[in-house]
Protein backbone atom coordinates (compact mmCIF):
# COMPACT_ATOMS: atom_id res chain seq x y z
CA UNK A 1 0.00 0.00 0.00
CA UNK A 2 1.42 3.43 -0.91
CA UNK A 3 1.21 6.49 1.34
CA UNK A 4 -1.85 7.91 -0.45
CA UNK A 5 -3.73 4.65 0.04
CA UNK A 6 -2.75 4.53 3.71
CA UNK A 7 -3.97 8.09 4.27
CA UNK A 8 -7.23 7.55 2.40
CA UNK A 9 -7.99 4.33 4.27
CA UNK A 10 -7.02 5.81 7.66
CA UNK A 11 -8.60 9.27 7.36
CA UNK A 12 -11.86 8.62 5.57
CA UNK A 13 -13.64 11.87 6.51
CA UNK A 14 -12.28 14.61 4.23
CA UNK A 15 -13.06 17.38 6.75
CA UNK A 16 -10.98 15.82 9.56
CA UNK A 17 -8.50 18.40 10.92
CA UNK A 18 -4.96 17.46 9.83
CA UNK A 19 -1.74 19.23 10.83
CA UNK A 20 1.38 18.25 8.91
CA UNK A 21 4.93 19.05 10.02
CA UNK A 22 8.51 18.06 9.30
CA UNK A 23 12.05 18.98 10.32
CA UNK A 24 12.33 22.21 8.31
CA UNK A 25 8.83 22.99 7.04
CA UNK A 26 9.50 22.39 3.33
CA UNK A 27 8.14 18.83 3.11
CA UNK A 28 5.12 19.71 5.21
CA UNK A 29 4.13 22.35 2.63
CA UNK A 30 4.29 19.69 -0.07
CA UNK A 31 2.34 17.25 2.10
CA UNK A 32 -0.38 19.83 2.68
CA UNK A 33 -0.72 20.44 -1.06
CA UNK A 34 -0.91 16.70 -1.74
CA UNK A 35 -3.62 16.23 0.89
CA UNK A 36 -5.64 19.07 -0.62
CA UNK A 37 -5.31 17.41 -4.05
CA UNK A 38 -6.74 14.25 -2.46
CA UNK A 39 -9.79 16.24 -1.36
CA UNK A 40 -8.98 16.96 2.29
CA UNK A 41 -10.22 20.45 3.12
CA UNK A 42 -9.10 21.03 6.72
CA UNK A 43 -5.31 20.75 6.37
CA UNK A 44 -2.83 23.03 8.15
CA UNK A 45 0.91 23.30 7.67
CA UNK A 46 2.51 23.27 11.12
CA UNK A 47 5.88 23.94 9.49
CA UNK A 48 9.05 22.95 11.28
CA UNK A 49 8.50 20.67 14.25
CA UNK A 50 10.56 22.87 16.60
CA UNK A 51 8.51 25.96 15.69
CA UNK A 52 5.28 24.03 16.07
CA UNK A 53 6.34 22.84 19.52
CA UNK A 54 6.98 26.44 20.58
CA UNK A 55 3.61 27.60 19.23
CA UNK A 56 1.81 24.79 21.05
CA UNK A 57 4.02 25.15 24.13
CA UNK A 58 4.71 21.41 24.05
CA UNK A 59 7.95 19.48 24.39
CA UNK A 60 8.96 17.23 21.50
CA UNK A 61 10.24 13.74 22.23
CA UNK A 62 12.15 11.85 19.57
CA UNK A 63 11.14 8.27 19.16
Foldseek 3Di string as FASTA:
>chain_A
DDPVVVCCVVDVDLAPAEEDEEQAFPVLVVVQVVSVVVPRDRYHYCGHPVSNCVVVVHDDDDD
